[in-house]
Amino acid sequence: MKAVSVNDSLNAATEWDSLPAAESIRVFAAGEEIHAQGGKADRIYRVEFGMVCSYLLTSEGRRLVREFHLPGEYFGLDTEGTRQFFADAISTTGLLPVPWRRIGNLDPDVVEAALQTHVRVEQRLLLIRPQNAIQRMALFLLDISERMGKPDLLELPMSRADIGDHIDLSVETVSRVVSRLRASGHIDLVSPRIIRITNRKMLEALCSS
C-alpha cells in the first residue's frame, strides 16, 4: 500500500477541500485487504479509483459479498464502532479515508451521500433475493450500469465467483446465465470481464417479469 497526495490526484473531489487537514489517498493492490470484519471502525472511505468488495464470512466459512463499491461511492459506515464486513480491493484502488472524528467537518451533502449509499445497498439486496438466476444477473448488470452513468459497455474487474457470491449463485450458474443472456441478444461478451448491454429495454423487462 502506498500514499499519494490528494493534490496530485486528478480524481480528488472538491468537497474534501474544506477538511482542516487533507488526508492522503491510500492505494491498495488488487486483492489487498482494506479492513477486516470485527476490526475497529474509526473511519469511512470514498473510492477515488478502482473498485472495492465488501463481504462477510459465515460461521460455515461461506463468503457473502454485500457490495461492490465504485469510484465516487462511500463505504465503511459502521456506526457501532466495529467493522461488520471485510473489505478488499478488487483492482488497484485509491481510497480517501475520513476519520469519524472529522465527519462533522464535511459538507452535509457528502454525509447524506454516504448514508444514501448505505440505504441503497440494503434496498437492492432485498430486491435480488426473491428473483430467479437470470433476473438476479439482469438486476446486477443494470445496477452497475446505472451507478457508472448508464454506459452500455461494462468493464467488470470482479471475477464470476465474486459476482456469484454477491447474487447468491454458483460460478457455474453465473457462467450459464451469462451465456443465455448472450444467446438471447440481451448482452454481448466482449472479453471475459467486459460485457456490452445490447438491449437495455429487454434486460429491464426481465427484471419486471
C-alpha atoms as a PDB file:
ATOM      1  CA  MET A   1       0.000   0.000   0.000  1.00  0.00           C
ATOM      2  CA  LYS A   2       1.276   3.490  -0.819  1.00  0.00           C
ATOM      3  CA  ALA A   3       0.124   7.056  -0.247  1.00  0.00           C
ATOM      4  CA  VAL A   4      -0.493   9.619  -2.962  1.00  0.00           C
ATOM      5  CA  SER A   5      -1.021  13.300  -2.212  1.00  0.00           C
ATOM      6  CA  VAL A   6      -4.596  14.404  -2.804  1.00  0.00           C
ATOM      7  CA  ASN A   7      -3.244  17.452  -4.633  1.00  0.00           C
ATOM      8  CA  ASP A   8      -1.531  15.152  -7.140  1.00  0.00           C
ATOM      9  CA  SER A   9      -4.694  13.161  -7.861  1.00  0.00           C
ATOM     10  CA  LEU A  10      -6.744  14.080 -10.919  1.00  0.00           C
ATOM     11  CA  ASN A  11      -9.710  12.431  -9.216  1.00  0.00           C
ATOM     12  CA  ALA A  12      -9.589  14.438  -5.973  1.00  0.00           C
ATOM     13  CA  ALA A  13     -13.066  15.751  -5.204  1.00  0.00           C
ATOM     14  CA  THR A  14     -13.541  19.426  -4.344  1.00  0.00           C
ATOM     15  CA  GLU A  15     -15.839  18.717  -1.385  1.00  0.00           C
ATOM     16  CA  TRP A  16     -12.873  17.406   0.591  1.00  0.00           C
ATOM     17  CA  ASP A  17     -11.065  20.755   0.371  1.00  0.00           C
ATOM     18  CA  SER A  18     -12.936  22.037   3.409  1.00  0.00           C
ATOM     19  CA  LEU A  19     -11.346  19.460   5.698  1.00  0.00           C
ATOM     20  CA  PRO A  20      -8.920  21.025   8.197  1.00  0.00           C
ATOM     21  CA  ALA A  21      -6.063  18.721   7.182  1.00  0.00           C
ATOM     22  CA  ALA A  22      -6.304  16.887   3.876  1.00  0.00           C
ATOM     23  CA  GLU A  23      -5.988  13.120   4.035  1.00  0.00           C
ATOM     24  CA  SER A  24      -3.806  11.280   1.557  1.00  0.00           C
ATOM     25  CA  ILE A  25      -5.255   8.872  -0.950  1.00  0.00           C
ATOM     26  CA  ARG A  26      -4.265   5.362   0.071  1.00  0.00           C
ATOM     27  CA  VAL A  27      -3.608   2.980  -2.803  1.00  0.00           C
ATOM     28  CA  PHE A  28      -4.294  -0.740  -2.412  1.00  0.00           C
ATOM     29  CA  ALA A  29      -3.185  -3.503  -4.753  1.00  0.00           C
ATOM     30  CA  ALA A  30      -5.708  -5.907  -6.278  1.00  0.00           C
ATOM     31  CA  GLY A  31      -6.725  -8.432  -3.620  1.00  0.00           C
ATOM     32  CA  GLU A  32      -5.289  -6.417  -0.738  1.00  0.00           C
ATOM     33  CA  GLU A  33      -7.346  -6.258   2.447  1.00  0.00           C
ATOM     34  CA  ILE A  34      -8.551  -2.794   3.423  1.00  0.00           C
ATOM     35  CA  HIS A  35     -10.113  -3.768   6.730  1.00  0.00           C
ATOM     36  CA  ALA A  36     -11.279  -6.946   8.440  1.00  0.00           C
ATOM     37  CA  GLN A  37     -14.624  -7.923   9.896  1.00  0.00           C
ATOM     38  CA  GLY A  38     -14.541  -7.297  13.649  1.00  0.00           C
ATOM     39  CA  GLY A  39     -11.887  -4.591  13.400  1.00  0.00           C
ATOM     40  CA  LYS A  40     -12.161  -1.062  14.740  1.00  0.00           C
ATOM     41  CA  ALA A  41     -14.418   1.188  12.640  1.00  0.00           C
ATOM     42  CA  ASP A  42     -12.787   4.580  13.041  1.00  0.00           C
ATOM     43  CA  ARG A  43     -13.212   5.990   9.520  1.00  0.00           C
ATOM     44  CA  ILE A  44     -15.244   5.902   6.343  1.00  0.00           C
ATOM     45  CA  TYR A  45     -13.805   5.778   2.815  1.00  0.00           C
ATOM     46  CA  ARG A  46     -14.555   7.312  -0.532  1.00  0.00           C
ATOM     47  CA  VAL A  47     -13.440   5.341  -3.600  1.00  0.00           C
ATOM     48  CA  GLU A  48     -11.344   7.612  -5.855  1.00  0.00           C
ATOM     49  CA  PHE A  49     -10.489   4.961  -8.465  1.00  0.00           C
ATOM     50  CA  GLY A  50     -10.671   1.189  -8.767  1.00  0.00           C
ATOM     51  CA  MET A  51     -13.262  -0.980  -7.012  1.00  0.00           C
ATOM     52  CA  VAL A  52     -13.824  -2.390  -3.518  1.00  0.00           C
ATOM     53  CA  CYS A  53     -15.621  -5.572  -2.489  1.00  0.00           C
ATOM     54  CA  SER A  54     -17.239  -5.641   0.966  1.00  0.00           C
ATOM     55  CA  TYR A  55     -18.241  -9.064   2.292  1.00  0.00           C
ATOM     56  CA  LEU A  56     -18.706 -11.199   5.362  1.00  0.00           C
ATOM     57  CA  LEU A  57     -17.815 -14.771   6.199  1.00  0.00           C
ATOM     58  CA  THR A  58     -20.441 -17.002   7.754  1.00  0.00           C
ATOM     59  CA  SER A  59     -19.712 -19.421  10.573  1.00  0.00           C
ATOM     60  CA  GLU A  60     -19.625 -22.156   7.903  1.00  0.00           C
ATOM     61  CA  GLY A  61     -16.903 -20.284   6.029  1.00  0.00           C
ATOM     62  CA  ARG A  62     -19.177 -19.135   3.219  1.00  0.00           C
ATOM     63  CA  ARG A  63     -18.447 -15.722   1.707  1.00  0.00           C
ATOM     64  CA  LEU A  64     -21.353 -13.334   1.139  1.00  0.00           C
ATOM     65  CA  VAL A  65     -20.486 -10.276  -0.948  1.00  0.00           C
ATOM     66  CA  ARG A  66     -22.534  -7.323   0.240  1.00  0.00           C
ATOM     67  CA  GLU A  67     -21.470  -4.749  -2.338  1.00  0.00           C
ATOM     68  CA  PHE A  68     -19.001  -3.646  -4.985  1.00  0.00           C
ATOM     69  CA  HIS A  69     -18.110  -0.014  -4.297  1.00  0.00           C
ATOM     70  CA  LEU A  70     -17.377   2.164  -7.351  1.00  0.00           C
ATOM     71  CA  PRO A  71     -15.495   5.470  -7.773  1.00  0.00           C
ATOM     72  CA  GLY A  72     -17.304   8.304  -6.043  1.00  0.00           C
ATOM     73  CA  GLU A  73     -19.067   5.974  -3.599  1.00  0.00           C
ATOM     74  CA  TYR A  74     -18.570   5.651   0.155  1.00  0.00           C
ATOM     75  CA  PHE A  75     -18.230   2.621   2.371  1.00  0.00           C
ATOM     76  CA  GLY A  76     -17.260   1.746   5.921  1.00  0.00           C
ATOM     77  CA  LEU A  77     -20.266   3.391   7.542  1.00  0.00           C
ATOM     78  CA  ASP A  78     -20.219   1.116  10.604  1.00  0.00           C
ATOM     79  CA  THR A  79     -21.835   3.236  13.291  1.00  0.00           C
ATOM     80  CA  GLU A  80     -21.345   0.857  16.238  1.00  0.00           C
ATOM     81  CA  GLY A  81     -17.545   1.121  16.280  1.00  0.00           C
ATOM     82  CA  THR A  82     -16.839  -2.376  14.899  1.00  0.00           C
ATOM     83  CA  ARG A  83     -16.458  -3.449  11.282  1.00  0.00           C
ATOM     84  CA  GLN A  84     -19.393  -5.562  10.177  1.00  0.00           C
ATOM     85  CA  PHE A  85     -17.710  -6.626   6.928  1.00  0.00           C
ATOM     86  CA  PHE A  86     -14.361  -7.339   5.346  1.00  0.00           C
ATOM     87  CA  ALA A  87     -13.300  -5.004   2.541  1.00  0.00           C
ATOM     88  CA  ASP A  88     -10.782  -5.906  -0.190  1.00  0.00           C
ATOM     89  CA  ALA A  89      -9.584  -4.079  -3.282  1.00  0.00           C
ATOM     90  CA  ILE A  90     -10.848  -5.775  -6.456  1.00  0.00           C
ATOM     91  CA  SER A  91      -8.343  -3.936  -8.662  1.00  0.00           C
ATOM     92  CA  THR A  92      -5.684  -1.315  -7.954  1.00  0.00           C
ATOM     93  CA  THR A  93      -7.758   1.071  -5.874  1.00  0.00           C
ATOM     94  CA  GLY A  94      -7.340   4.537  -4.412  1.00  0.00           C
ATOM     95  CA  LEU A  95      -9.288   5.433  -1.264  1.00  0.00           C
ATOM     96  CA  LEU A  96      -9.679   8.693   0.592  1.00  0.00           C
ATOM     97  CA  PRO A  97     -10.165   7.924   4.314  1.00  0.00           C
ATOM     98  CA  VAL A  98     -12.082  10.254   6.608  1.00  0.00           C
ATOM     99  CA  PRO A  99     -11.764   9.600  10.365  1.00  0.00           C
ATOM    100  CA  TRP A 100     -15.028   9.587  12.298  1.00  0.00           C
ATOM    101  CA  ARG A 101     -13.779  12.486  14.434  1.00  0.00           C
ATOM    102  CA  ARG A 102     -13.753  14.651  11.309  1.00  0.00           C
ATOM    103  CA  ILE A 103     -17.133  13.686   9.875  1.00  0.00           C
ATOM    104  CA  GLY A 104     -18.626  16.841  11.349  1.00  0.00           C
ATOM    105  CA  ASN A 105     -16.322  18.940   9.157  1.00  0.00           C
ATOM    106  CA  LEU A 106     -17.760  17.510   5.943  1.00  0.00           C
ATOM    107  CA  ASP A 107     -20.400  19.209   3.871  1.00  0.00           C
ATOM    108  CA  PRO A 108     -23.840  17.830   4.874  1.00  0.00           C
ATOM    109  CA  ASP A 109     -24.393  16.752   1.254  1.00  0.00           C
ATOM    110  CA  VAL A 110     -21.337  14.495   1.494  1.00  0.00           C
ATOM    111  CA  VAL A 111     -22.600  12.865   4.688  1.00  0.00           C
ATOM    112  CA  GLU A 112     -26.028  12.443   3.070  1.00  0.00           C
ATOM    113  CA  ALA A 113     -24.425  10.756   0.043  1.00  0.00           C
ATOM    114  CA  ALA A 114     -22.643   8.289   2.335  1.00  0.00           C
ATOM    115  CA  LEU A 115     -25.901   7.476   4.104  1.00  0.00           C
ATOM    116  CA  GLN A 116     -27.748   7.078   0.801  1.00  0.00           C
ATOM    117  CA  THR A 117     -25.138   4.567  -0.366  1.00  0.00           C
ATOM    118  CA  HIS A 118     -25.757   2.532   2.779  1.00  0.00           C
ATOM    119  CA  VAL A 119     -29.553   2.606   2.297  1.00  0.00           C
ATOM    120  CA  ARG A 120     -29.300   1.785  -1.435  1.00  0.00           C
ATOM    121  CA  VAL A 121     -27.297  -1.360  -0.698  1.00  0.00           C
ATOM    122  CA  GLU A 122     -29.908  -2.621   1.765  1.00  0.00           C
ATOM    123  CA  GLN A 123     -32.782  -1.916  -0.635  1.00  0.00           C
ATOM    124  CA  ARG A 124     -31.111  -3.664  -3.579  1.00  0.00           C
ATOM    125  CA  LEU A 125     -30.289  -6.750  -1.528  1.00  0.00           C
ATOM    126  CA  LEU A 126     -33.991  -7.063  -0.729  1.00  0.00           C
ATOM    127  CA  LEU A 127     -34.820  -6.838  -4.450  1.00  0.00           C
ATOM    128  CA  ILE A 128     -32.321  -9.515  -5.511  1.00  0.00           C
ATOM    129  CA  ARG A 129     -33.259 -12.245  -3.024  1.00  0.00           C
ATOM    130  CA  PRO A 130     -36.654 -13.316  -4.447  1.00  0.00           C
ATOM    131  CA  GLN A 131     -35.546 -13.289  -8.105  1.00  0.00           C
ATOM    132  CA  ASN A 132     -34.507 -16.239 -10.265  1.00  0.00           C
ATOM    133  CA  ALA A 133     -30.950 -16.604 -11.589  1.00  0.00           C
ATOM    134  CA  ILE A 134     -31.484 -14.686 -14.845  1.00  0.00           C
ATOM    135  CA  GLN A 135     -33.318 -11.868 -13.084  1.00  0.00           C
ATOM    136  CA  ARG A 136     -30.563 -11.583 -10.473  1.00  0.00           C
ATOM    137  CA  MET A 137     -27.915 -11.225 -13.157  1.00  0.00           C
ATOM    138  CA  ALA A 138     -30.028  -8.696 -15.060  1.00  0.00           C
ATOM    139  CA  LEU A 139     -30.546  -6.640 -11.903  1.00  0.00           C
ATOM    140  CA  PHE A 140     -26.834  -6.787 -11.158  1.00  0.00           C
ATOM    141  CA  LEU A 141     -25.812  -5.584 -14.636  1.00  0.00           C
ATOM    142  CA  LEU A 142     -28.406  -2.802 -14.689  1.00  0.00           C
ATOM    143  CA  ASP A 143     -27.439  -1.657 -11.200  1.00  0.00           C
ATOM    144  CA  ILE A 144     -23.724  -1.490 -12.066  1.00  0.00           C
ATOM    145  CA  SER A 145     -24.524   0.318 -15.317  1.00  0.00           C
ATOM    146  CA  GLU A 146     -26.757   2.829 -13.518  1.00  0.00           C
ATOM    147  CA  ARG A 147     -24.059   3.622 -10.980  1.00  0.00           C
ATOM    148  CA  MET A 148     -21.457   4.011 -13.739  1.00  0.00           C
ATOM    149  CA  GLY A 149     -23.641   6.526 -15.590  1.00  0.00           C
ATOM    150  CA  LYS A 150     -25.567   4.069 -17.804  1.00  0.00           C
ATOM    151  CA  PRO A 151     -22.831   3.033 -20.241  1.00  0.00           C
ATOM    152  CA  ASP A 152     -23.600   0.020 -22.421  1.00  0.00           C
ATOM    153  CA  LEU A 153     -20.014  -1.236 -22.152  1.00  0.00           C
ATOM    154  CA  LEU A 154     -19.275  -2.534 -18.650  1.00  0.00           C
ATOM    155  CA  GLU A 155     -15.727  -3.296 -17.547  1.00  0.00           C
ATOM    156  CA  LEU A 156     -16.137  -5.639 -14.598  1.00  0.00           C
ATOM    157  CA  PRO A 157     -12.860  -6.310 -12.747  1.00  0.00           C
ATOM    158  CA  MET A 158     -14.517  -8.707 -10.315  1.00  0.00           C
ATOM    159  CA  SER A 159     -14.459 -12.447 -11.007  1.00  0.00           C
ATOM    160  CA  ARG A 160     -17.536 -14.565 -11.699  1.00  0.00           C
ATOM    161  CA  ALA A 161     -17.007 -16.106  -8.271  1.00  0.00           C
ATOM    162  CA  ASP A 162     -17.267 -12.600  -6.783  1.00  0.00           C
ATOM    163  CA  ILE A 163     -20.469 -11.958  -8.731  1.00  0.00           C
ATOM    164  CA  GLY A 164     -21.894 -15.316  -7.664  1.00  0.00           C
ATOM    165  CA  ASP A 165     -21.141 -14.601  -4.006  1.00  0.00           C
ATOM    166  CA  HIS A 166     -22.937 -11.277  -4.440  1.00  0.00           C
ATOM    167  CA  ILE A 167     -26.149 -12.513  -6.082  1.00  0.00           C
ATOM    168  CA  ASP A 168     -26.132 -15.926  -4.382  1.00  0.00           C
ATOM    169  CA  LEU A 169     -25.363 -18.083  -7.412  1.00  0.00           C
ATOM    170  CA  SER A 170     -22.643 -20.640  -8.070  1.00  0.00           C
ATOM    171  CA  VAL A 171     -19.838 -19.811 -10.501  1.00  0.00           C
ATOM    172  CA  GLU A 172     -21.257 -22.384 -12.910  1.00  0.00           C
ATOM    173  CA  THR A 173     -24.709 -20.796 -12.775  1.00  0.00           C
ATOM    174  CA  VAL A 174     -23.265 -17.321 -13.354  1.00  0.00           C
ATOM    175  CA  SER A 175     -21.480 -18.624 -16.458  1.00  0.00           C
ATOM    176  CA  ARG A 176     -24.635 -20.351 -17.741  1.00  0.00           C
ATOM    177  CA  VAL A 177     -26.747 -17.238 -17.199  1.00  0.00           C
ATOM    178  CA  VAL A 178     -24.223 -15.022 -18.998  1.00  0.00           C
ATOM    179  CA  SER A 179     -24.256 -17.466 -21.923  1.00  0.00           C
ATOM    180  CA  ARG A 180     -28.069 -17.473 -22.027  1.00  0.00           C
ATOM    181  CA  LEU A 181     -28.285 -13.673 -21.921  1.00  0.00           C
ATOM    182  CA  ARG A 182     -25.752 -13.510 -24.728  1.00  0.00           C
ATOM    183  CA  ALA A 183     -27.585 -16.081 -26.845  1.00  0.00           C
ATOM    184  CA  SER A 184     -30.880 -14.235 -26.373  1.00  0.00           C
ATOM    185  CA  GLY A 185     -29.395 -10.915 -27.502  1.00  0.00           C
ATOM    186  CA  HIS A 186     -29.581  -9.100 -24.178  1.00  0.00           C
ATOM    187  CA  ILE A 187     -25.795  -8.738 -23.837  1.00  0.00           C
ATOM    188  CA  ASP A 188     -22.577  -9.416 -25.717  1.00  0.00           C
ATOM    189  CA  LEU A 189     -19.386 -10.754 -24.169  1.00  0.00           C
ATOM    190  CA  VAL A 190     -16.530  -8.590 -25.462  1.00  0.00           C
ATOM    191  CA  SER A 191     -13.998 -10.354 -23.205  1.00  0.00           C
ATOM    192  CA  PRO A 192     -14.266 -12.464 -20.034  1.00  0.00           C
ATOM    193  CA  ARG A 193     -14.618  -9.281 -17.951  1.00  0.00           C
ATOM    194  CA  ILE A 194     -16.144  -6.825 -20.427  1.00  0.00           C
ATOM    195  CA  ILE A 195     -19.876  -7.062 -21.099  1.00  0.00           C
ATOM    196  CA  ARG A 196     -21.842  -4.955 -23.549  1.00  0.00           C
ATOM    197  CA  ILE A 197     -25.544  -4.375 -22.904  1.00  0.00           C
ATOM    198  CA  THR A 198     -27.028  -4.758 -26.383  1.00  0.00           C
ATOM    199  CA  ASN A 199     -30.707  -4.411 -25.491  1.00  0.00           C
ATOM    200  CA  ARG A 200     -31.290  -2.459 -22.284  1.00  0.00           C
ATOM    201  CA  LYS A 201     -35.088  -2.494 -22.570  1.00  0.00           C
ATOM    202  CA  MET A 202     -35.169  -6.287 -22.874  1.00  0.00           C
ATOM    203  CA  LEU A 203     -32.856  -6.571 -19.880  1.00  0.00           C
ATOM    204  CA  GLU A 204     -35.097  -4.254 -17.852  1.00  0.00           C
ATOM    205  CA  ALA A 205     -38.146  -6.264 -18.907  1.00  0.00           C
ATOM    206  CA  LEU A 206     -36.571  -9.412 -17.458  1.00  0.00           C
ATOM    207  CA  CYS A 207     -36.456  -7.780 -14.032  1.00  0.00           C
ATOM    208  CA  SER A 208     -40.155  -6.984 -14.036  1.00  0.00           C
ATOM    209  CA  SER A 209     -41.381 -10.286 -15.462  1.00  0.00           C
END
